[in-house]
Amino acid sequence: MPNSLTISSPRLLLRAFRPTDAGNLHAYLSDARIYQFEPGEPISLEQARKIAAELANSPDFWAVELRETGRVIGQIYFKHTDPPHLQTWELGYILNPQYQRQGYMTEAVGALVRQRFSDGDIHRIVAHCNPENVASWKLLEKVGFRREGLLLQNIYFRKNLQGEPLWTDTFVYALLKNKRGGWR
């Protein structure tokens, strides 16, 4: 079941995806720059239609929409992890390269974190990023996440010509809800 909640910030609207978001989704998921730190490869418009329909039925993805134009410029992944009793959620995000370095995703993540901590039964939010993705880990720190660790060669998204994994490291970040309802 998709998100029924909508979150507003000064420039953005966070909402459930719609099948009609396929064109906007294609605009950034067809860009090879997106996959520098993400698995996958650029997609076709037909693939974007299929993905938009899948995202529209998922409670784990939020469309990041520019309020001024109604254009979807990115997405946030926010999922309750197992086991549920630990009240931990995982965060991830992708932003159209045309809109990067303008504070949009910092605004979106900040709004989501504030809203979900205030109305959800959440103790901890975790995020992972490649140490070479400086913009991503700086965004997390700006929103208040704390770097908790570095996992060495723990994941790969691609293989070399010989079929061997191209291992990468991962920073682990987290944000905890405090007893007063804020976070640390």
N, C-alpha and C. Protein backbone atom coordinates (compact mmCIF):
# COMPACT_ATOMS: atom_id res chain seq x y z
N MET A 1 0.84 -1.18 0.00
CA MET A 1 0.00 0.00 0.00
C MET A 1 0.89 1.25 0.00
N PRO A 2 0.65 2.19 -0.90
CA PRO A 2 1.49 3.39 -0.99
C PRO A 2 1.29 4.33 0.20
N ASN A 3 2.19 5.30 0.30
CA ASN A 3 2.07 6.32 1.35
C ASN A 3 0.80 7.11 1.14
N SER A 4 0.08 7.37 2.22
CA SER A 4 -1.07 8.26 2.13
C SER A 4 -0.71 9.63 2.69
N LEU A 5 0.43 9.71 3.35
CA LEU A 5 0.91 10.94 3.96
C LEU A 5 1.60 11.82 2.91
N THR A 6 1.41 13.10 3.02
CA THR A 6 2.12 14.07 2.20
C THR A 6 2.88 14.99 3.15
N ILE A 7 4.12 15.29 2.83
CA ILE A 7 4.95 16.17 3.66
C ILE A 7 5.34 17.38 2.82
N SER A 8 5.12 18.56 3.36
CA SER A 8 5.46 19.80 2.66
C SER A 8 6.68 20.45 3.29
N SER A 9 7.47 21.08 2.47
CA SER A 9 8.58 21.93 2.91
C SER A 9 8.47 23.20 2.07
N PRO A 10 9.29 24.20 2.31
CA PRO A 10 9.13 25.45 1.57
C PRO A 10 9.09 25.29 0.04
N ARG A 11 9.95 24.43 -0.52
CA ARG A 11 10.00 24.31 -1.98
C ARG A 11 9.50 22.98 -2.51
N LEU A 12 9.25 22.02 -1.61
CA LEU A 12 9.00 20.64 -2.04
C LEU A 12 7.74 20.05 -1.44
N LEU A 13 7.30 19.01 -2.12
CA LEU A 13 6.21 18.17 -1.63
C LEU A 13 6.73 16.73 -1.69
N LEU A 14 6.65 16.02 -0.58
CA LEU A 14 7.00 14.60 -0.55
C LEU A 14 5.69 13.84 -0.53
N ARG A 15 5.55 12.92 -1.47
CA ARG A 15 4.27 12.23 -1.64
C ARG A 15 4.51 10.85 -2.23
N ALA A 16 3.44 10.08 -2.31
CA ALA A 16 3.52 8.77 -2.97
C ALA A 16 3.75 8.98 -4.47
N PHE A 17 4.45 8.05 -5.07
CA PHE A 17 4.61 8.08 -6.52
C PHE A 17 3.27 7.80 -7.19
N ARG A 18 3.17 8.25 -8.43
CA ARG A 18 2.01 7.96 -9.27
C ARG A 18 2.52 7.36 -10.58
N PRO A 19 1.74 6.53 -11.24
CA PRO A 19 2.17 6.00 -12.54
C PRO A 19 2.48 7.14 -13.53
N THR A 20 1.81 8.27 -13.38
CA THR A 20 2.04 9.40 -14.29
C THR A 20 3.38 10.09 -14.07
N ASP A 21 4.15 9.66 -13.06
CA ASP A 21 5.47 10.23 -12.81
C ASP A 21 6.55 9.61 -13.69
N ALA A 22 6.18 8.71 -14.57
CA ALA A 22 7.15 7.97 -15.38
C ALA A 22 8.09 8.88 -16.17
N GLY A 23 7.57 9.93 -16.78
CA GLY A 23 8.43 10.83 -17.57
C GLY A 23 9.47 11.52 -16.72
N ASN A 24 9.07 12.00 -15.56
CA ASN A 24 10.01 12.65 -14.65
C ASN A 24 11.02 11.66 -14.09
N LEU A 25 10.56 10.46 -13.79
CA LEU A 25 11.43 9.39 -13.31
C LEU A 25 12.48 9.06 -14.39
N HIS A 26 12.02 8.96 -15.62
CA HIS A 26 12.93 8.68 -16.73
C HIS A 26 13.98 9.78 -16.88
N ALA A 27 13.60 11.03 -16.62
CA ALA A 27 14.53 12.16 -16.78
C ALA A 27 15.79 11.98 -15.95
N TYR A 28 15.67 11.37 -14.78
CA TYR A 28 16.91 11.19 -14.00
C TYR A 28 17.41 9.75 -13.98
N LEU A 29 16.54 8.76 -14.08
CA LEU A 29 17.03 7.38 -14.08
C LEU A 29 17.61 6.95 -15.43
N SER A 30 17.48 7.79 -16.43
CA SER A 30 18.12 7.52 -17.72
C SER A 30 19.50 8.18 -17.80
N ASP A 31 19.87 8.91 -16.77
CA ASP A 31 21.14 9.65 -16.72
C ASP A 31 22.21 8.76 -16.08
N ALA A 32 23.26 8.47 -16.80
CA ALA A 32 24.32 7.58 -16.32
C ALA A 32 24.97 8.09 -15.04
N ARG A 33 24.95 9.39 -14.80
CA ARG A 33 25.58 9.94 -13.59
C ARG A 33 24.92 9.40 -12.31
N ILE A 34 23.66 9.04 -12.38
CA ILE A 34 22.94 8.50 -11.22
C ILE A 34 23.59 7.22 -10.71
N TYR A 35 24.18 6.47 -11.61
CA TYR A 35 24.66 5.13 -11.27
C TYR A 35 26.13 5.09 -10.86
N GLN A 36 26.73 6.25 -10.65
CA GLN A 36 28.10 6.26 -10.17
C GLN A 36 28.20 5.59 -8.80
N PHE A 37 27.21 5.82 -7.94
CA PHE A 37 27.21 5.26 -6.60
C PHE A 37 25.98 4.38 -6.32
N GLU A 38 25.26 4.05 -7.34
CA GLU A 38 24.04 3.24 -7.20
C GLU A 38 24.13 2.03 -8.13
N PRO A 39 23.42 0.94 -7.78
CA PRO A 39 23.38 -0.20 -8.71
C PRO A 39 22.50 0.14 -9.90
N GLY A 40 22.70 -0.59 -10.97
CA GLY A 40 21.86 -0.43 -12.15
C GLY A 40 22.54 0.33 -13.26
N GLU A 41 21.74 0.62 -14.28
CA GLU A 41 22.22 1.35 -15.45
C GLU A 41 21.05 2.16 -15.99
N PRO A 42 21.35 3.13 -16.86
CA PRO A 42 20.27 3.99 -17.38
C PRO A 42 19.11 3.18 -17.96
N ILE A 43 17.90 3.71 -17.75
CA ILE A 43 16.69 2.99 -18.16
C ILE A 43 16.00 3.68 -19.34
N SER A 44 15.17 2.93 -20.01
CA SER A 44 14.35 3.45 -21.11
C SER A 44 13.06 4.04 -20.54
N LEU A 45 12.31 4.74 -21.40
CA LEU A 45 11.03 5.29 -20.98
C LEU A 45 10.06 4.16 -20.63
N GLU A 46 10.10 3.07 -21.37
CA GLU A 46 9.22 1.93 -21.06
C GLU A 46 9.55 1.35 -19.68
N GLN A 47 10.83 1.24 -19.37
CA GLN A 47 11.23 0.76 -18.05
C GLN A 47 10.77 1.75 -16.97
N ALA A 48 10.85 3.05 -17.27
CA ALA A 48 10.41 4.07 -16.32
C ALA A 48 8.93 3.93 -16.03
N ARG A 49 8.14 3.61 -17.04
CA ARG A 49 6.70 3.40 -16.83
C ARG A 49 6.46 2.24 -15.86
N LYS A 50 7.19 1.17 -16.05
CA LYS A 50 7.04 0.00 -15.19
C LYS A 50 7.48 0.33 -13.76
N ILE A 51 8.61 1.01 -13.62
CA ILE A 51 9.13 1.37 -12.30
C ILE A 51 8.18 2.34 -11.60
N ALA A 52 7.64 3.32 -12.33
CA ALA A 52 6.70 4.28 -11.73
C ALA A 52 5.47 3.55 -11.19
N ALA A 53 4.98 2.59 -11.93
CA ALA A 53 3.82 1.81 -11.47
C ALA A 53 4.16 1.02 -10.21
N GLU A 54 5.36 0.44 -10.18
CA GLU A 54 5.79 -0.32 -8.99
C GLU A 54 5.95 0.61 -7.78
N LEU A 55 6.59 1.75 -7.99
CA LEU A 55 6.80 2.70 -6.89
C LEU A 55 5.47 3.25 -6.37
N ALA A 56 4.51 3.40 -7.27
CA ALA A 56 3.18 3.91 -6.87
C ALA A 56 2.47 2.95 -5.91
N ASN A 57 2.88 1.70 -5.91
CA ASN A 57 2.27 0.71 -5.02
C ASN A 57 3.15 0.37 -3.82
N SER A 58 4.22 1.12 -3.62
CA SER A 58 5.15 0.83 -2.53
C SER A 58 5.02 1.85 -1.40
N PRO A 59 5.00 1.38 -0.16
CA PRO A 59 4.99 2.31 0.97
C PRO A 59 6.39 2.82 1.31
N ASP A 60 7.41 2.30 0.62
CA ASP A 60 8.80 2.59 0.98
C ASP A 60 9.44 3.71 0.16
N PHE A 61 8.75 4.25 -0.82
CA PHE A 61 9.33 5.28 -1.68
C PHE A 61 8.49 6.54 -1.67
N TRP A 62 9.16 7.67 -1.64
CA TRP A 62 8.53 8.99 -1.67
C TRP A 62 9.01 9.72 -2.91
N ALA A 63 8.10 10.30 -3.65
CA ALA A 63 8.45 11.18 -4.77
C ALA A 63 8.80 12.55 -4.18
N VAL A 64 9.86 13.15 -4.69
CA VAL A 64 10.25 14.50 -4.28
C VAL A 64 9.83 15.43 -5.41
N GLU A 65 8.79 16.21 -5.14
CA GLU A 65 8.18 17.06 -6.17
C GLU A 65 8.46 18.54 -5.89
N LEU A 66 8.82 19.27 -6.94
CA LEU A 66 8.95 20.73 -6.82
C LEU A 66 7.55 21.32 -6.71
N ARG A 67 7.28 22.03 -5.65
CA ARG A 67 5.94 22.60 -5.46
C ARG A 67 5.59 23.59 -6.57
N GLU A 68 6.56 24.35 -7.01
CA GLU A 68 6.32 25.40 -8.01
C GLU A 68 5.88 24.85 -9.36
N THR A 69 6.45 23.70 -9.76
CA THR A 69 6.19 23.17 -11.10
C THR A 69 5.43 21.84 -11.12
N GLY A 70 5.42 21.12 -9.99
CA GLY A 70 4.81 19.80 -9.96
C GLY A 70 5.71 18.72 -10.54
N ARG A 71 6.94 19.05 -10.85
CA ARG A 71 7.88 18.09 -11.44
C ARG A 71 8.54 17.24 -10.35
N VAL A 72 8.58 15.94 -10.55
CA VAL A 72 9.29 15.04 -9.64
C VAL A 72 10.76 15.09 -10.01
N ILE A 73 11.59 15.45 -9.01
CA ILE A 73 13.02 15.63 -9.27
C ILE A 73 13.88 14.59 -8.55
N GLY A 74 13.24 13.70 -7.80
CA GLY A 74 14.01 12.69 -7.10
C GLY A 74 13.11 11.78 -6.29
N GLN A 75 13.75 10.94 -5.50
CA GLN A 75 13.03 9.97 -4.71
C GLN A 75 13.76 9.71 -3.41
N ILE A 76 12.98 9.34 -2.40
CA ILE A 76 13.53 8.93 -1.11
C ILE A 76 13.02 7.54 -0.79
N TYR A 77 13.92 6.71 -0.37
CA TYR A 77 13.60 5.36 0.11
C TYR A 77 13.61 5.45 1.63
N PHE A 78 12.53 5.01 2.27
CA PHE A 78 12.42 5.05 3.72
C PHE A 78 11.66 3.81 4.15
N LYS A 79 12.38 2.83 4.70
CA LYS A 79 11.78 1.52 4.97
C LYS A 79 12.08 1.06 6.39
N HIS A 80 11.04 0.51 7.02
CA HIS A 80 11.17 -0.11 8.33
C HIS A 80 11.97 -1.39 8.15
N THR A 81 13.04 -1.56 8.92
CA THR A 81 13.88 -2.74 8.75
C THR A 81 13.50 -3.82 9.75
N ASP A 82 13.93 -5.02 9.48
CA ASP A 82 13.67 -6.15 10.39
C ASP A 82 14.81 -6.29 11.38
N PRO A 83 14.54 -6.73 12.58
CA PRO A 83 13.22 -7.02 13.14
C PRO A 83 12.49 -5.73 13.52
N PRO A 84 11.18 -5.70 13.33
CA PRO A 84 10.39 -4.48 13.56
C PRO A 84 10.48 -3.90 14.97
N HIS A 85 10.64 -4.76 15.97
CA HIS A 85 10.65 -4.25 17.35
C HIS A 85 11.84 -3.33 17.65
N LEU A 86 12.84 -3.32 16.81
CA LEU A 86 13.99 -2.44 17.01
C LEU A 86 13.72 -1.01 16.54
N GLN A 87 12.58 -0.78 15.91
CA GLN A 87 12.12 0.56 15.51
C GLN A 87 13.19 1.31 14.69
N THR A 88 13.81 0.60 13.76
CA THR A 88 14.86 1.17 12.91
C THR A 88 14.36 1.27 11.48
N TRP A 89 14.66 2.39 10.86
CA TRP A 89 14.29 2.65 9.48
C TRP A 89 15.55 2.94 8.68
N GLU A 90 15.53 2.56 7.41
CA GLU A 90 16.66 2.83 6.52
C GLU A 90 16.26 3.91 5.52
N LEU A 91 17.20 4.81 5.26
CA LEU A 91 17.00 5.96 4.39
C LEU A 91 17.95 5.89 3.20
N GLY A 92 17.44 6.23 2.03
CA GLY A 92 18.26 6.38 0.83
C GLY A 92 17.60 7.40 -0.07
N TYR A 93 18.34 7.94 -1.03
CA TYR A 93 17.78 8.98 -1.89
C TYR A 93 18.54 9.07 -3.21
N ILE A 94 17.82 9.55 -4.21
CA ILE A 94 18.38 9.82 -5.53
C ILE A 94 17.79 11.15 -5.98
N LEU A 95 18.62 12.02 -6.53
CA LEU A 95 18.17 13.31 -7.02
C LEU A 95 18.64 13.52 -8.45
N ASN A 96 17.73 14.02 -9.28
CA ASN A 96 18.06 14.36 -10.66
C ASN A 96 19.30 15.27 -10.66
N PRO A 97 20.35 14.93 -11.42
CA PRO A 97 21.57 15.75 -11.43
C PRO A 97 21.33 17.23 -11.78
N GLN A 98 20.29 17.52 -12.54
CA GLN A 98 19.98 18.91 -12.88
C GLN A 98 19.62 19.74 -11.65
N TYR A 99 19.21 19.08 -10.57
CA TYR A 99 18.73 19.78 -9.38
C TYR A 99 19.67 19.62 -8.18
N GLN A 100 20.82 19.00 -8.41
CA GLN A 100 21.77 18.81 -7.33
C GLN A 100 22.47 20.13 -6.99
N ARG A 101 23.01 20.18 -5.79
CA ARG A 101 23.76 21.32 -5.27
C ARG A 101 22.90 22.58 -5.12
N GLN A 102 21.60 22.37 -4.88
CA GLN A 102 20.69 23.49 -4.65
C GLN A 102 19.93 23.32 -3.33
N GLY A 103 20.32 22.33 -2.54
CA GLY A 103 19.72 22.12 -1.23
C GLY A 103 18.39 21.38 -1.24
N TYR A 104 17.95 20.90 -2.40
CA TYR A 104 16.65 20.24 -2.47
C TYR A 104 16.60 18.96 -1.64
N MET A 105 17.60 18.10 -1.79
CA MET A 105 17.52 16.83 -1.07
C MET A 105 17.76 17.04 0.42
N THR A 106 18.59 17.99 0.80
CA THR A 106 18.75 18.31 2.23
C THR A 106 17.41 18.74 2.81
N GLU A 107 16.69 19.58 2.08
CA GLU A 107 15.36 20.04 2.50
C GLU A 107 14.39 18.86 2.60
N ALA A 108 14.42 17.98 1.61
CA ALA A 108 13.49 16.84 1.58
C ALA A 108 13.77 15.86 2.72
N VAL A 109 15.03 15.49 2.89
CA VAL A 109 15.40 14.53 3.94
C VAL A 109 15.11 15.14 5.31
N GLY A 110 15.44 16.41 5.50
CA GLY A 110 15.16 17.07 6.77
C GLY A 110 13.67 17.07 7.10
N ALA A 111 12.84 17.37 6.11
CA ALA A 111 11.39 17.39 6.32
C ALA A 111 10.86 15.99 6.65
N LEU A 112 11.34 14.99 5.94
CA LEU A 112 10.90 13.62 6.19
C LEU A 112 11.30 13.16 7.58
N VAL A 113 12.55 13.41 7.97
CA VAL A 113 13.04 12.99 9.27
C VAL A 113 12.25 13.67 10.39
N ARG A 114 12.04 14.98 10.28
CA ARG A 114 11.26 15.70 11.31
C ARG A 114 9.85 15.12 11.43
N GLN A 115 9.20 14.93 10.30
CA GLN A 115 7.83 14.43 10.31
C GLN A 115 7.74 13.02 10.87
N ARG A 116 8.61 12.15 10.40
CA ARG A 116 8.53 10.75 10.82
C ARG A 116 8.93 10.57 12.28
N PHE A 117 9.90 11.33 12.78
CA PHE A 117 10.24 11.24 14.19
C PHE A 117 9.10 11.77 15.06
N SER A 118 8.39 12.78 14.57
CA SER A 118 7.32 13.36 15.39
C SER A 118 6.06 12.50 15.40
N ASP A 119 5.79 11.78 14.32
CA ASP A 119 4.54 11.02 14.29
C ASP A 119 4.72 9.51 14.23
N GLY A 120 5.96 9.04 14.14
CA GLY A 120 6.18 7.60 14.01
C GLY A 120 6.80 6.99 15.24
N ASP A 121 6.69 5.70 15.33
CA ASP A 121 7.31 4.94 16.41
C ASP A 121 8.71 4.55 15.94
N ILE A 122 9.56 5.56 15.86
CA ILE A 122 10.90 5.37 15.30
C ILE A 122 11.93 5.68 16.37
N HIS A 123 12.89 4.79 16.53
CA HIS A 123 14.00 5.00 17.46
C HIS A 123 15.26 5.43 16.71
N ARG A 124 15.47 4.85 15.52
CA ARG A 124 16.74 5.05 14.83
C ARG A 124 16.51 5.05 13.32
N ILE A 125 17.24 5.93 12.63
CA ILE A 125 17.25 5.94 11.17
C ILE A 125 18.71 5.75 10.74
N VAL A 126 18.93 4.81 9.82
CA VAL A 126 20.27 4.56 9.32
C VAL A 126 20.35 4.88 7.83
N ALA A 127 21.54 5.25 7.40
CA ALA A 127 21.80 5.52 5.98
C ALA A 127 23.21 5.05 5.66
N HIS A 128 23.40 4.62 4.44
CA HIS A 128 24.71 4.15 3.98
C HIS A 128 25.10 4.93 2.73
N CYS A 129 26.39 5.20 2.60
CA CYS A 129 26.84 5.86 1.37
C CYS A 129 28.30 5.54 1.11
N ASN A 130 28.67 5.67 -0.14
CA ASN A 130 30.05 5.47 -0.57
C ASN A 130 30.89 6.64 -0.05
N PRO A 131 32.05 6.38 0.55
CA PRO A 131 32.90 7.46 1.03
C PRO A 131 33.29 8.47 -0.06
N GLU A 132 33.29 8.02 -1.31
CA GLU A 132 33.62 8.93 -2.41
C GLU A 132 32.45 9.83 -2.79
N ASN A 133 31.26 9.52 -2.29
CA ASN A 133 30.08 10.33 -2.57
C ASN A 133 29.98 11.43 -1.51
N VAL A 134 30.87 12.41 -1.63
CA VAL A 134 31.02 13.47 -0.64
C VAL A 134 29.71 14.25 -0.47
N ALA A 135 29.01 14.54 -1.56
CA ALA A 135 27.76 15.29 -1.45
C ALA A 135 26.74 14.54 -0.59
N SER A 136 26.71 13.22 -0.70
CA SER A 136 25.74 12.43 0.06
C SER A 136 26.05 12.45 1.55
N TRP A 137 27.31 12.19 1.92
CA TRP A 137 27.59 12.15 3.36
C TRP A 137 27.57 13.55 3.97
N LYS A 138 27.87 14.58 3.20
CA LYS A 138 27.74 15.95 3.73
C LYS A 138 26.27 16.29 3.96
N LEU A 139 25.38 15.83 3.07
CA LEU A 139 23.95 16.04 3.26
C LEU A 139 23.50 15.38 4.57
N LEU A 140 23.89 14.15 4.78
CA LEU A 140 23.50 13.44 6.00
C LEU A 140 23.98 14.19 7.24
N GLU A 141 25.21 14.66 7.22
CA GLU A 141 25.74 15.40 8.37
C GLU A 141 25.01 16.72 8.57
N LYS A 142 24.65 17.38 7.47
CA LYS A 142 23.92 18.64 7.56
C LYS A 142 22.56 18.46 8.24
N VAL A 143 21.92 17.33 7.98
CA VAL A 143 20.60 17.04 8.55
C VAL A 143 20.72 16.56 10.00
N GLY A 144 21.92 16.18 10.43
CA GLY A 144 22.13 15.77 11.81
C GLY A 144 22.57 14.34 12.02
N PHE A 145 22.73 13.59 10.94
CA PHE A 145 23.19 12.21 11.07
C PHE A 145 24.65 12.20 11.55
N ARG A 146 25.00 11.14 12.24
CA ARG A 146 26.34 10.96 12.77
C ARG A 146 26.97 9.75 12.08
N ARG A 147 28.21 9.91 11.68
CA ARG A 147 28.92 8.78 11.07
C ARG A 147 29.28 7.80 12.16
N GLU A 148 28.84 6.56 11.99
CA GLU A 148 29.08 5.54 13.01
C GLU A 148 30.14 4.54 12.61
N GLY A 149 30.46 4.49 11.34
CA GLY A 149 31.45 3.50 10.97
C GLY A 149 31.79 3.50 9.50
N LEU A 150 32.81 2.73 9.18
CA LEU A 150 33.25 2.51 7.81
C LEU A 150 33.34 1.01 7.60
N LEU A 151 32.55 0.51 6.66
CA LEU A 151 32.60 -0.90 6.30
C LEU A 151 33.52 -1.03 5.09
N LEU A 152 34.54 -1.85 5.22
CA LEU A 152 35.53 -2.00 4.15
C LEU A 152 35.11 -3.09 3.16
N GLN A 153 35.13 -2.71 1.90
CA GLN A 153 34.84 -3.63 0.80
C GLN A 153 33.65 -4.55 1.11
N ASN A 154 32.53 -3.95 1.48
CA ASN A 154 31.37 -4.74 1.89
C ASN A 154 30.32 -4.91 0.81
N ILE A 155 30.44 -4.19 -0.30
CA ILE A 155 29.39 -4.25 -1.33
C ILE A 155 30.01 -4.00 -2.71
N TYR A 156 29.34 -4.52 -3.71
CA TYR A 156 29.72 -4.17 -5.08
C TYR A 156 28.46 -4.10 -5.93
N PHE A 157 28.52 -3.25 -6.95
CA PHE A 157 27.41 -3.10 -7.89
C PHE A 157 27.81 -3.53 -9.29
N ARG A 158 29.11 -3.63 -9.54
CA ARG A 158 29.61 -3.95 -10.86
C ARG A 158 30.77 -4.94 -10.78
N LYS A 159 31.07 -5.52 -11.93
CA LYS A 159 32.20 -6.44 -12.03
C LYS A 159 33.16 -5.94 -13.11
N ASN A 160 34.43 -6.35 -13.01
CA ASN A 160 35.40 -5.98 -14.02
C ASN A 160 35.26 -6.90 -15.23
N LEU A 161 36.11 -6.72 -16.21
CA LEU A 161 36.03 -7.51 -17.45
C LEU A 161 36.24 -9.01 -17.21
N GLN A 162 36.92 -9.34 -16.12
CA GLN A 162 37.15 -10.75 -15.80
C GLN A 162 35.99 -11.33 -14.97
N GLY A 163 34.98 -10.53 -14.70
CA GLY A 163 33.83 -11.00 -13.93
C GLY A 163 34.03 -10.95 -12.43
N GLU A 164 35.09 -10.28 -11.99
CA GLU A 164 35.36 -10.17 -10.55
C GLU A 164 34.66 -8.95 -9.98
N PRO A 165 34.14 -9.06 -8.75
CA PRO A 165 33.46 -7.92 -8.12
C PRO A 165 34.40 -6.72 -7.94
N LEU A 166 33.86 -5.53 -8.16
CA LEU A 166 34.58 -4.29 -7.88
C LEU A 166 34.05 -3.80 -6.53
N TRP A 167 34.69 -4.25 -5.46
CA TRP A 167 34.24 -3.98 -4.10
C TRP A 167 34.40 -2.50 -3.75
N THR A 168 33.44 -1.99 -2.97
CA THR A 168 33.54 -0.61 -2.49
C THR A 168 33.28 -0.58 -0.99
N ASP A 169 33.73 0.49 -0.37
CA ASP A 169 33.52 0.71 1.06
C ASP A 169 32.20 1.44 1.27
N THR A 170 31.73 1.46 2.50
CA THR A 170 30.48 2.13 2.84
C THR A 170 30.60 2.84 4.18
N PHE A 171 30.22 4.12 4.20
CA PHE A 171 30.04 4.81 5.47
C PHE A 171 28.67 4.43 6.01
N VAL A 172 28.58 4.27 7.32
CA VAL A 172 27.31 4.02 7.99
C VAL A 172 26.99 5.26 8.82
N TYR A 173 25.80 5.81 8.61
CA TYR A 173 25.33 6.98 9.36
C TYR A 173 24.06 6.62 10.11
N ALA A 174 23.79 7.32 11.21
CA ALA A 174 22.56 7.08 11.96
C ALA A 174 22.11 8.35 12.67
N LEU A 175 20.83 8.35 12.97
CA LEU A 175 20.19 9.43 13.71
C LEU A 175 19.26 8.76 14.72
N LEU A 176 19.36 9.19 15.98
CA LEU A 176 18.55 8.61 17.05
C LEU A 176 17.54 9.62 17.56
N LYS A 177 16.36 9.12 17.87
CA LYS A 177 15.35 9.97 18.51
C LYS A 177 15.70 10.07 19.99
N ASN A 178 15.63 11.28 20.54
CA ASN A 178 15.90 11.41 21.97
C ASN A 178 14.60 11.44 22.76
N LYS A 179 14.69 11.41 24.05
CA LYS A 179 13.50 11.31 24.93
C LYS A 179 12.60 12.53 24.84
N ARG A 180 13.12 13.67 24.40
CA ARG A 180 12.33 14.89 24.30
C ARG A 180 11.64 15.02 22.94
N GLY A 181 11.76 14.01 22.10
CA GLY A 181 11.08 14.04 20.80
C GLY A 181 11.93 14.55 19.67
N GLY A 182 13.09 15.13 19.98
CA GLY A 182 14.00 15.57 18.93
C GLY A 182 14.88 14.42 18.51
N TRP A 183 16.01 14.74 17.96
CA TRP A 183 16.93 13.67 17.57
C TRP A 183 18.35 14.09 17.84
N ARG A 184 19.22 13.08 17.83
CA ARG A 184 20.65 13.32 18.04
C ARG A 184 21.46 12.36 17.22
